[in-house]
Amino acid sequence: MEITAKTEYAVRAMLQLAEAGEPDLPVSVDALAQAQGLPRKFLEAILADLRRAELVISTKGARGGYRLARPASEIPVGAVFRAVDGPLAEVRGRRPHHTSYEGVAEHLPVLWVAVRSSLRQVLDDTSLEQLRTGRLPAHVRELAQVPDAWVSR
C-alpha cells in the first residue's frame, strides 16, 4: 500500500486542526501550511476534498479558514484517507469483493478482502484524537510492536 502525499498532507492538516486551541475558531490555510510545512496551493485542493467529505467546515472572510466539522475523537483516520484518495483498497480500480479469478487464482478475492479488512481495523478504529495524543488503540500499538514491523522488506 502506498500512502500518497495527498493523504499524508490531509492527515497532517486534520491533526493540526485538531490541535487548534479553539475548536470554533477557523484556522487559515496559511497557518495550516506553515505549521506543517505544506505547499499552500496543494493544501487548498486537499481542504476542498475534506470539505466535500464534510470533515471540515470552511469560513470565508478576513478571519476565515477551516475547522473540524465534528470533534477529532469522532473522525476516523480512514475517513480522511477516503476523502482525498477514495477507497482504502482497490484492485485495478475495482473493490476487492468485486474481483473474481479462475483456476489457481480463484482464492485471491479472499486475500484482497482480508487486506482491506486489516486496513479498516487500523485506520477506521483510530480517531484523529487518538493519533494526535498518541493514545492509539491497543491492537494498533500491538501491530506496530511486531518484531519486524519497522523493518523494510
N, C-alpha and C. Protein backbone atom coordinates (compact mmCIF):
# COMPACT_ATOMS: atom_id res chain seq x y z
N MET A 1 0.85 -1.18 0.00
CA MET A 1 0.00 0.00 0.00
C MET A 1 0.88 1.23 0.00
N GLU A 2 0.56 2.16 -0.88
CA GLU A 2 1.28 3.42 -0.91
C GLU A 2 0.38 4.50 -0.32
N ILE A 3 0.92 5.24 0.61
CA ILE A 3 0.19 6.38 1.16
C ILE A 3 0.67 7.60 0.39
N THR A 4 -0.23 8.22 -0.35
CA THR A 4 0.15 9.33 -1.22
C THR A 4 0.47 10.58 -0.40
N ALA A 5 1.17 11.50 -1.05
CA ALA A 5 1.45 12.79 -0.42
C ALA A 5 0.14 13.49 -0.07
N LYS A 6 -0.84 13.36 -0.94
CA LYS A 6 -2.14 13.99 -0.70
C LYS A 6 -2.76 13.49 0.60
N THR A 7 -2.72 12.18 0.81
CA THR A 7 -3.27 11.61 2.03
C THR A 7 -2.45 12.01 3.25
N GLU A 8 -1.14 11.93 3.12
CA GLU A 8 -0.27 12.33 4.24
C GLU A 8 -0.53 13.78 4.64
N TYR A 9 -0.58 14.67 3.67
CA TYR A 9 -0.83 16.08 3.94
C TYR A 9 -2.21 16.29 4.56
N ALA A 10 -3.20 15.54 4.07
CA ALA A 10 -4.55 15.67 4.61
C ALA A 10 -4.59 15.27 6.08
N VAL A 11 -3.95 14.17 6.42
CA VAL A 11 -3.92 13.73 7.82
C VAL A 11 -3.18 14.76 8.67
N ARG A 12 -2.07 15.26 8.19
CA ARG A 12 -1.31 16.27 8.94
C ARG A 12 -2.12 17.54 9.15
N ALA A 13 -2.83 17.98 8.12
CA ALA A 13 -3.67 19.18 8.24
C ALA A 13 -4.80 18.95 9.23
N MET A 14 -5.41 17.78 9.17
CA MET A 14 -6.50 17.46 10.10
C MET A 14 -5.99 17.40 11.54
N LEU A 15 -4.80 16.85 11.73
CA LEU A 15 -4.20 16.82 13.07
C LEU A 15 -3.93 18.24 13.57
N GLN A 16 -3.48 19.10 12.67
CA GLN A 16 -3.23 20.50 13.04
C GLN A 16 -4.53 21.19 13.44
N LEU A 17 -5.60 20.91 12.70
CA LEU A 17 -6.90 21.49 13.07
C LEU A 17 -7.37 20.94 14.42
N ALA A 18 -7.12 19.66 14.67
CA ALA A 18 -7.49 19.05 15.95
C ALA A 18 -6.70 19.68 17.09
N GLU A 19 -5.51 20.11 16.80
CA GLU A 19 -4.63 20.71 17.81
C GLU A 19 -4.99 22.17 18.10
N ALA A 20 -5.77 22.79 17.21
CA ALA A 20 -6.14 24.21 17.35
C ALA A 20 -6.77 24.45 18.72
N GLY A 21 -6.39 25.54 19.33
CA GLY A 21 -6.86 25.85 20.68
C GLY A 21 -8.36 25.97 20.81
N GLU A 22 -8.98 26.73 19.95
CA GLU A 22 -10.43 26.95 19.99
C GLU A 22 -11.08 26.20 18.83
N PRO A 23 -11.83 25.15 19.11
CA PRO A 23 -12.41 24.36 18.02
C PRO A 23 -13.40 25.13 17.15
N ASP A 24 -13.95 26.24 17.65
CA ASP A 24 -14.91 27.01 16.87
C ASP A 24 -14.27 28.13 16.06
N LEU A 25 -12.98 28.37 16.28
CA LEU A 25 -12.28 29.41 15.53
C LEU A 25 -11.58 28.79 14.33
N PRO A 26 -11.84 29.30 13.14
CA PRO A 26 -11.20 28.73 11.96
C PRO A 26 -9.70 29.03 11.91
N VAL A 27 -8.98 28.12 11.27
CA VAL A 27 -7.53 28.25 11.08
C VAL A 27 -7.31 28.53 9.60
N SER A 28 -6.54 29.54 9.30
CA SER A 28 -6.31 29.91 7.90
C SER A 28 -5.47 28.86 7.18
N VAL A 29 -5.62 28.84 5.87
CA VAL A 29 -4.81 27.93 5.05
C VAL A 29 -3.33 28.24 5.25
N ASP A 30 -2.99 29.53 5.31
CA ASP A 30 -1.59 29.91 5.50
C ASP A 30 -1.05 29.37 6.82
N ALA A 31 -1.84 29.48 7.88
CA ALA A 31 -1.39 28.99 9.19
C ALA A 31 -1.22 27.47 9.17
N LEU A 32 -2.15 26.76 8.53
CA LEU A 32 -2.03 25.30 8.42
C LEU A 32 -0.80 24.91 7.61
N ALA A 33 -0.62 25.57 6.47
CA ALA A 33 0.51 25.26 5.61
C ALA A 33 1.83 25.52 6.32
N GLN A 34 1.90 26.64 7.02
CA GLN A 34 3.14 26.99 7.71
C GLN A 34 3.42 26.04 8.88
N ALA A 35 2.40 25.70 9.64
CA ALA A 35 2.59 24.84 10.81
C ALA A 35 3.12 23.46 10.43
N GLN A 36 2.69 22.96 9.27
CA GLN A 36 3.10 21.62 8.86
C GLN A 36 4.09 21.61 7.70
N GLY A 37 4.48 22.77 7.22
CA GLY A 37 5.42 22.84 6.11
C GLY A 37 4.85 22.25 4.83
N LEU A 38 3.58 22.58 4.54
CA LEU A 38 2.90 22.03 3.37
C LEU A 38 2.76 23.09 2.28
N PRO A 39 2.78 22.67 1.02
CA PRO A 39 2.57 23.64 -0.07
C PRO A 39 1.14 24.17 -0.05
N ARG A 40 1.01 25.47 -0.03
CA ARG A 40 -0.30 26.12 0.16
C ARG A 40 -1.32 25.73 -0.91
N LYS A 41 -0.96 25.80 -2.17
CA LYS A 41 -1.92 25.51 -3.25
C LYS A 41 -2.39 24.06 -3.19
N PHE A 42 -1.48 23.14 -2.93
CA PHE A 42 -1.85 21.73 -2.82
C PHE A 42 -2.78 21.54 -1.63
N LEU A 43 -2.47 22.22 -0.53
CA LEU A 43 -3.29 22.12 0.67
C LEU A 43 -4.70 22.65 0.42
N GLU A 44 -4.82 23.72 -0.35
CA GLU A 44 -6.15 24.25 -0.67
C GLU A 44 -7.01 23.20 -1.37
N ALA A 45 -6.43 22.47 -2.31
CA ALA A 45 -7.16 21.42 -3.02
C ALA A 45 -7.55 20.29 -2.07
N ILE A 46 -6.66 19.95 -1.17
CA ILE A 46 -6.93 18.90 -0.19
C ILE A 46 -8.07 19.33 0.73
N LEU A 47 -8.03 20.57 1.19
CA LEU A 47 -9.08 21.07 2.08
C LEU A 47 -10.43 21.10 1.38
N ALA A 48 -10.43 21.35 0.09
CA ALA A 48 -11.69 21.31 -0.67
C ALA A 48 -12.26 19.88 -0.66
N ASP A 49 -11.38 18.88 -0.82
CA ASP A 49 -11.83 17.48 -0.74
C ASP A 49 -12.38 17.16 0.65
N LEU A 50 -11.70 17.63 1.67
CA LEU A 50 -12.12 17.37 3.06
C LEU A 50 -13.45 18.08 3.36
N ARG A 51 -13.65 19.24 2.75
CA ARG A 51 -14.91 19.97 2.93
C ARG A 51 -16.06 19.22 2.25
N ARG A 52 -15.81 18.74 1.02
CA ARG A 52 -16.84 17.97 0.30
C ARG A 52 -17.20 16.70 1.06
N ALA A 53 -16.25 16.13 1.76
CA ALA A 53 -16.50 14.91 2.55
C ALA A 53 -17.10 15.24 3.91
N GLU A 54 -17.34 16.52 4.17
CA GLU A 54 -17.93 17.01 5.42
C GLU A 54 -17.08 16.68 6.64
N LEU A 55 -15.77 16.72 6.45
CA LEU A 55 -14.84 16.53 7.57
C LEU A 55 -14.36 17.86 8.13
N VAL A 56 -14.39 18.90 7.29
CA VAL A 56 -14.05 20.24 7.75
C VAL A 56 -15.14 21.21 7.30
N ILE A 57 -15.18 22.32 7.99
CA ILE A 57 -16.10 23.42 7.66
C ILE A 57 -15.25 24.62 7.31
N SER A 58 -15.60 25.29 6.22
CA SER A 58 -14.84 26.48 5.84
C SER A 58 -15.64 27.73 6.16
N THR A 59 -14.91 28.77 6.50
CA THR A 59 -15.50 30.08 6.79
C THR A 59 -14.78 31.09 5.92
N LYS A 60 -15.54 31.89 5.20
CA LYS A 60 -14.95 32.91 4.33
C LYS A 60 -14.74 34.20 5.09
N GLY A 61 -13.92 35.05 4.51
CA GLY A 61 -13.71 36.37 5.09
C GLY A 61 -12.32 36.53 5.66
N ALA A 62 -12.10 37.73 6.20
CA ALA A 62 -10.78 38.09 6.72
C ALA A 62 -10.34 37.16 7.85
N ARG A 63 -11.27 36.72 8.65
CA ARG A 63 -10.95 35.81 9.75
C ARG A 63 -11.37 34.37 9.42
N GLY A 64 -11.46 34.10 8.13
CA GLY A 64 -11.91 32.79 7.68
C GLY A 64 -10.83 31.74 7.77
N GLY A 65 -11.24 30.55 7.42
CA GLY A 65 -10.33 29.42 7.45
C GLY A 65 -11.11 28.13 7.58
N TYR A 66 -10.49 27.16 8.22
CA TYR A 66 -11.08 25.83 8.34
C TYR A 66 -11.09 25.37 9.79
N ARG A 67 -12.08 24.55 10.08
CA ARG A 67 -12.14 23.89 11.39
C ARG A 67 -12.76 22.51 11.18
N LEU A 68 -12.55 21.64 12.14
CA LEU A 68 -13.12 20.30 12.04
C LEU A 68 -14.64 20.37 12.08
N ALA A 69 -15.29 19.53 11.32
CA ALA A 69 -16.76 19.51 11.27
C ALA A 69 -17.36 18.86 12.51
N ARG A 70 -16.58 18.05 13.19
CA ARG A 70 -17.01 17.41 14.43
C ARG A 70 -15.77 17.15 15.27
N PRO A 71 -15.93 16.76 16.52
CA PRO A 71 -14.75 16.55 17.37
C PRO A 71 -13.78 15.53 16.77
N ALA A 72 -12.50 15.74 17.01
CA ALA A 72 -11.45 14.87 16.49
C ALA A 72 -11.64 13.42 16.94
N SER A 73 -12.26 13.24 18.09
CA SER A 73 -12.50 11.88 18.60
C SER A 73 -13.55 11.14 17.78
N GLU A 74 -14.29 11.87 16.95
CA GLU A 74 -15.35 11.26 16.15
C GLU A 74 -14.96 11.13 14.67
N ILE A 75 -13.73 11.46 14.34
CA ILE A 75 -13.27 11.38 12.95
C ILE A 75 -12.22 10.29 12.83
N PRO A 76 -12.58 9.18 12.18
CA PRO A 76 -11.58 8.13 11.99
C PRO A 76 -10.57 8.54 10.91
N VAL A 77 -9.34 8.13 11.09
CA VAL A 77 -8.30 8.43 10.12
C VAL A 77 -8.69 7.88 8.75
N GLY A 78 -9.36 6.74 8.72
CA GLY A 78 -9.80 6.16 7.46
C GLY A 78 -10.69 7.09 6.66
N ALA A 79 -11.49 7.89 7.33
CA ALA A 79 -12.37 8.84 6.64
C ALA A 79 -11.55 9.89 5.89
N VAL A 80 -10.43 10.28 6.47
CA VAL A 80 -9.54 11.26 5.82
C VAL A 80 -8.94 10.62 4.57
N PHE A 81 -8.46 9.38 4.69
CA PHE A 81 -7.92 8.66 3.54
C PHE A 81 -8.93 8.64 2.40
N ARG A 82 -10.16 8.21 2.72
CA ARG A 82 -11.19 8.07 1.69
C ARG A 82 -11.56 9.42 1.06
N ALA A 83 -11.55 10.47 1.86
CA ALA A 83 -11.94 11.80 1.36
C ALA A 83 -11.01 12.29 0.26
N VAL A 84 -9.75 11.99 0.38
CA VAL A 84 -8.79 12.54 -0.59
C VAL A 84 -8.31 11.53 -1.62
N ASP A 85 -8.37 10.24 -1.31
CA ASP A 85 -7.84 9.24 -2.24
C ASP A 85 -8.81 8.12 -2.58
N GLY A 86 -10.03 8.19 -2.10
CA GLY A 86 -11.00 7.16 -2.44
C GLY A 86 -10.90 5.94 -1.54
N PRO A 87 -11.40 4.80 -2.02
CA PRO A 87 -11.44 3.59 -1.20
C PRO A 87 -10.06 3.18 -0.66
N LEU A 88 -10.07 2.54 0.50
CA LEU A 88 -8.81 2.12 1.12
C LEU A 88 -8.09 1.07 0.29
N ALA A 89 -8.82 0.19 -0.35
CA ALA A 89 -8.19 -0.87 -1.13
C ALA A 89 -8.96 -1.08 -2.43
N GLU A 90 -8.23 -1.08 -3.51
CA GLU A 90 -8.80 -1.38 -4.81
C GLU A 90 -7.84 -2.31 -5.55
N VAL A 91 -8.42 -3.10 -6.42
CA VAL A 91 -7.64 -3.99 -7.26
C VAL A 91 -7.90 -3.55 -8.70
N ARG A 92 -6.94 -2.84 -9.27
CA ARG A 92 -7.08 -2.32 -10.63
C ARG A 92 -8.39 -1.55 -10.81
N GLY A 93 -8.72 -0.71 -9.84
CA GLY A 93 -9.90 0.14 -9.92
C GLY A 93 -11.20 -0.50 -9.47
N ARG A 94 -11.14 -1.74 -9.01
CA ARG A 94 -12.35 -2.42 -8.52
C ARG A 94 -12.23 -2.68 -7.03
N ARG A 95 -13.38 -2.72 -6.38
CA ARG A 95 -13.40 -3.08 -4.97
C ARG A 95 -13.00 -4.55 -4.82
N PRO A 96 -12.29 -4.90 -3.76
CA PRO A 96 -11.82 -6.28 -3.59
C PRO A 96 -12.92 -7.33 -3.71
N HIS A 97 -14.10 -7.05 -3.19
CA HIS A 97 -15.18 -8.04 -3.23
C HIS A 97 -15.83 -8.16 -4.61
N HIS A 98 -15.43 -7.31 -5.54
CA HIS A 98 -15.95 -7.39 -6.91
C HIS A 98 -14.98 -8.08 -7.86
N THR A 99 -13.91 -8.63 -7.34
CA THR A 99 -12.95 -9.34 -8.18
C THR A 99 -13.31 -10.82 -8.24
N SER A 100 -12.91 -11.45 -9.31
CA SER A 100 -13.07 -12.90 -9.42
C SER A 100 -12.01 -13.43 -10.37
N TYR A 101 -11.55 -14.61 -10.10
CA TYR A 101 -10.50 -15.23 -10.88
C TYR A 101 -10.82 -16.69 -11.06
N GLU A 102 -10.19 -17.28 -12.04
CA GLU A 102 -10.40 -18.70 -12.30
C GLU A 102 -9.12 -19.47 -12.01
N GLY A 103 -9.28 -20.74 -11.87
CA GLY A 103 -8.13 -21.63 -11.72
C GLY A 103 -7.38 -21.39 -10.42
N VAL A 104 -6.08 -21.42 -10.53
CA VAL A 104 -5.22 -21.35 -9.35
C VAL A 104 -5.37 -20.03 -8.58
N ALA A 105 -5.85 -18.98 -9.23
CA ALA A 105 -6.01 -17.67 -8.59
C ALA A 105 -7.40 -17.45 -8.01
N GLU A 106 -8.23 -18.46 -7.98
CA GLU A 106 -9.64 -18.29 -7.57
C GLU A 106 -9.82 -17.77 -6.15
N HIS A 107 -8.82 -17.96 -5.29
CA HIS A 107 -8.97 -17.52 -3.90
C HIS A 107 -8.43 -16.12 -3.63
N LEU A 108 -7.91 -15.46 -4.66
CA LEU A 108 -7.38 -14.11 -4.48
C LEU A 108 -8.38 -13.12 -3.89
N PRO A 109 -9.66 -13.13 -4.27
CA PRO A 109 -10.59 -12.17 -3.67
C PRO A 109 -10.63 -12.25 -2.14
N VAL A 110 -10.48 -13.43 -1.59
CA VAL A 110 -10.46 -13.57 -0.13
C VAL A 110 -9.26 -12.82 0.44
N LEU A 111 -8.12 -12.94 -0.20
CA LEU A 111 -6.92 -12.23 0.26
C LEU A 111 -7.12 -10.72 0.14
N TRP A 112 -7.64 -10.27 -1.00
CA TRP A 112 -7.86 -8.83 -1.20
C TRP A 112 -8.83 -8.26 -0.15
N VAL A 113 -9.89 -8.99 0.14
CA VAL A 113 -10.85 -8.54 1.16
C VAL A 113 -10.19 -8.52 2.53
N ALA A 114 -9.34 -9.50 2.82
CA ALA A 114 -8.63 -9.53 4.11
C ALA A 114 -7.69 -8.34 4.23
N VAL A 115 -7.03 -7.97 3.14
CA VAL A 115 -6.15 -6.80 3.16
C VAL A 115 -6.96 -5.55 3.47
N ARG A 116 -8.10 -5.40 2.80
CA ARG A 116 -8.97 -4.24 3.06
C ARG A 116 -9.44 -4.24 4.52
N SER A 117 -9.81 -5.41 5.02
CA SER A 117 -10.27 -5.52 6.39
C SER A 117 -9.18 -5.11 7.38
N SER A 118 -7.96 -5.50 7.11
CA SER A 118 -6.86 -5.14 8.03
C SER A 118 -6.61 -3.64 8.01
N LEU A 119 -6.72 -3.02 6.83
CA LEU A 119 -6.59 -1.56 6.75
C LEU A 119 -7.70 -0.88 7.54
N ARG A 120 -8.91 -1.38 7.39
CA ARG A 120 -10.03 -0.81 8.14
C ARG A 120 -9.81 -0.93 9.64
N GLN A 121 -9.29 -2.07 10.09
CA GLN A 121 -9.07 -2.28 11.53
C GLN A 121 -8.09 -1.27 12.10
N VAL A 122 -7.15 -0.82 11.31
CA VAL A 122 -6.20 0.18 11.78
C VAL A 122 -6.74 1.59 11.57
N LEU A 123 -7.14 1.91 10.35
CA LEU A 123 -7.50 3.28 10.01
C LEU A 123 -8.88 3.72 10.51
N ASP A 124 -9.84 2.81 10.50
CA ASP A 124 -11.18 3.18 10.95
C ASP A 124 -11.35 3.07 12.46
N ASP A 125 -10.47 2.32 13.09
CA ASP A 125 -10.53 2.18 14.55
C ASP A 125 -9.66 3.21 15.27
N THR A 126 -8.97 4.06 14.51
CA THR A 126 -8.11 5.09 15.10
C THR A 126 -8.68 6.45 14.77
N SER A 127 -9.00 7.23 15.79
CA SER A 127 -9.53 8.58 15.57
C SER A 127 -8.39 9.58 15.45
N LEU A 128 -8.71 10.74 14.90
CA LEU A 128 -7.72 11.81 14.85
C LEU A 128 -7.21 12.15 16.25
N GLU A 129 -8.11 12.15 17.21
CA GLU A 129 -7.72 12.50 18.58
C GLU A 129 -6.75 11.46 19.15
N GLN A 130 -7.00 10.19 18.90
CA GLN A 130 -6.08 9.15 19.37
C GLN A 130 -4.71 9.31 18.71
N LEU A 131 -4.71 9.62 17.43
CA LEU A 131 -3.45 9.82 16.72
C LEU A 131 -2.74 11.07 17.22
N ARG A 132 -3.50 12.13 17.43
CA ARG A 132 -2.91 13.39 17.91
C ARG A 132 -2.25 13.22 19.26
N THR A 133 -2.90 12.49 20.15
CA THR A 133 -2.38 12.33 21.51
C THR A 133 -1.42 11.16 21.67
N GLY A 134 -1.39 10.28 20.67
CA GLY A 134 -0.54 9.09 20.79
C GLY A 134 -1.20 7.96 21.56
N ARG A 135 -2.45 8.14 21.95
CA ARG A 135 -3.19 7.09 22.67
C ARG A 135 -3.88 6.17 21.66
N LEU A 136 -3.08 5.48 20.89
CA LEU A 136 -3.59 4.62 19.83
C LEU A 136 -4.28 3.40 20.42
N PRO A 137 -5.24 2.84 19.69
CA PRO A 137 -5.90 1.62 20.17
C PRO A 137 -4.87 0.51 20.42
N ALA A 138 -5.17 -0.34 21.37
CA ALA A 138 -4.23 -1.40 21.76
C ALA A 138 -3.83 -2.26 20.56
N HIS A 139 -4.79 -2.65 19.72
CA HIS A 139 -4.44 -3.52 18.60
C HIS A 139 -3.55 -2.81 17.58
N VAL A 140 -3.63 -1.50 17.48
CA VAL A 140 -2.75 -0.75 16.58
C VAL A 140 -1.35 -0.71 17.17
N ARG A 141 -1.26 -0.44 18.45
CA ARG A 141 0.06 -0.44 19.12
C ARG A 141 0.72 -1.82 19.01
N GLU A 142 -0.08 -2.86 19.20
CA GLU A 142 0.46 -4.23 19.10
C GLU A 142 1.01 -4.50 17.70
N LEU A 143 0.31 -4.08 16.67
CA LEU A 143 0.80 -4.27 15.30
C LEU A 143 2.12 -3.54 15.07
N ALA A 144 2.24 -2.35 15.64
CA ALA A 144 3.48 -1.57 15.48
C ALA A 144 4.64 -2.17 16.27
N GLN A 145 4.33 -3.04 17.24
CA GLN A 145 5.38 -3.65 18.06
C GLN A 145 5.79 -5.04 17.60
N VAL A 146 5.18 -5.54 16.54
CA VAL A 146 5.60 -6.83 15.98
C VAL A 146 7.09 -6.69 15.64
N PRO A 147 7.92 -7.70 15.97
CA PRO A 147 9.38 -7.57 15.81
C PRO A 147 9.87 -7.00 14.49
N ASP A 148 9.29 -7.37 13.37
CA ASP A 148 9.80 -6.85 12.11
C ASP A 148 8.93 -5.73 11.51
N ALA A 149 8.05 -5.16 12.30
CA ALA A 149 7.15 -4.12 11.79
C ALA A 149 7.89 -2.92 11.23
N TRP A 150 9.00 -2.57 11.79
CA TRP A 150 9.75 -1.38 11.40
C TRP A 150 10.88 -1.70 10.42
N VAL A 151 10.92 -2.94 9.94
CA VAL A 151 11.98 -3.38 9.02
C VAL A 151 11.42 -3.42 7.60
N SER A 152 12.16 -2.83 6.65
CA SER A 152 11.75 -2.86 5.25
C SER A 152 11.97 -4.26 4.67
N ARG A 153 11.05 -4.65 3.80
CA ARG A 153 11.21 -5.92 3.08
C ARG A 153 11.06 -5.68 1.61
